[in-house]
């Protein structure tokens, strides 16, 4: 199974993505082979964090 979510999967909340990101750093270091997964999760987290936020005029 790929560590990256597929578009057909239900979108995760920012809080759920944050948990996954923290799990990757559980040992205090990010393993090099997990960096692509981390980067994808951070992008998703940023997008999820903006859900429902209105842009200021």
Protein backbone atom coordinates (compact mmCIF):
# COMPACT_ATOMS: atom_id res chain seq x y z
CA UNK A 1 0.00 0.00 0.00
CA UNK A 2 1.30 3.44 -0.90
CA UNK A 3 1.95 5.84 2.02
CA UNK A 4 0.31 8.59 -0.05
CA UNK A 5 -3.44 9.02 0.05
CA UNK A 6 -5.37 8.48 -3.16
CA UNK A 7 -7.74 11.19 -4.37
CA UNK A 8 -10.65 8.78 -3.96
CA UNK A 9 -10.00 8.43 -0.22
CA UNK A 10 -11.94 10.57 2.20
CA UNK A 11 -10.10 13.77 3.02
CA UNK A 12 -8.60 13.86 6.49
CA UNK A 13 -9.00 16.75 8.87
CA UNK A 14 -6.07 18.98 9.76
CA UNK A 15 -6.01 17.36 13.21
CA UNK A 16 -5.83 13.84 11.73
CA UNK A 17 -3.06 14.87 9.36
CA UNK A 18 -1.20 16.49 12.25
CA UNK A 19 -1.29 13.17 14.12
CA UNK A 20 0.18 11.38 11.11
CA UNK A 21 2.90 14.02 10.76
CA UNK A 22 3.80 13.74 14.45
CA UNK A 23 3.95 9.95 14.18
CA UNK A 24 6.60 10.26 11.48
CA UNK A 25 8.74 12.23 13.94
CA UNK A 26 8.06 9.89 16.88
CA UNK A 27 11.74 8.97 17.28
CA UNK A 28 12.83 12.61 17.12
CA UNK A 29 14.10 12.25 13.56
CA UNK A 30 12.44 11.93 10.19
CA UNK A 31 13.76 8.87 8.35
CA UNK A 32 15.02 9.81 4.88
CA UNK A 33 12.81 7.20 3.23
CA UNK A 34 9.70 8.78 4.84
CA UNK A 35 10.45 12.37 3.67
CA UNK A 36 8.16 12.17 0.58
CA UNK A 37 5.29 11.00 2.78
CA UNK A 38 6.00 13.80 5.26
CA UNK A 39 6.06 16.44 2.52
CA UNK A 40 2.76 15.20 1.07
CA UNK A 41 1.13 15.22 4.50
CA UNK A 42 2.32 18.77 5.20
CA UNK A 43 0.81 19.99 1.92
CA UNK A 44 -2.48 18.24 2.75
CA UNK A 45 -2.40 19.62 6.29
CA UNK A 46 -1.92 23.17 5.00
CA UNK A 47 -4.87 22.80 2.63
CA UNK A 48 -7.06 21.25 5.34
CA UNK A 49 -6.10 24.03 7.76
CA UNK A 50 -7.46 26.60 5.30
CA UNK A 51 -10.82 24.88 4.86
CA UNK A 52 -13.54 27.27 5.94
CA UNK A 53 -11.21 30.23 6.22
CA UNK A 54 -12.40 33.28 4.37
CA UNK A 55 -9.94 35.53 2.65
CA UNK A 56 -9.69 39.05 4.04
CA UNK A 57 -10.65 41.89 1.73
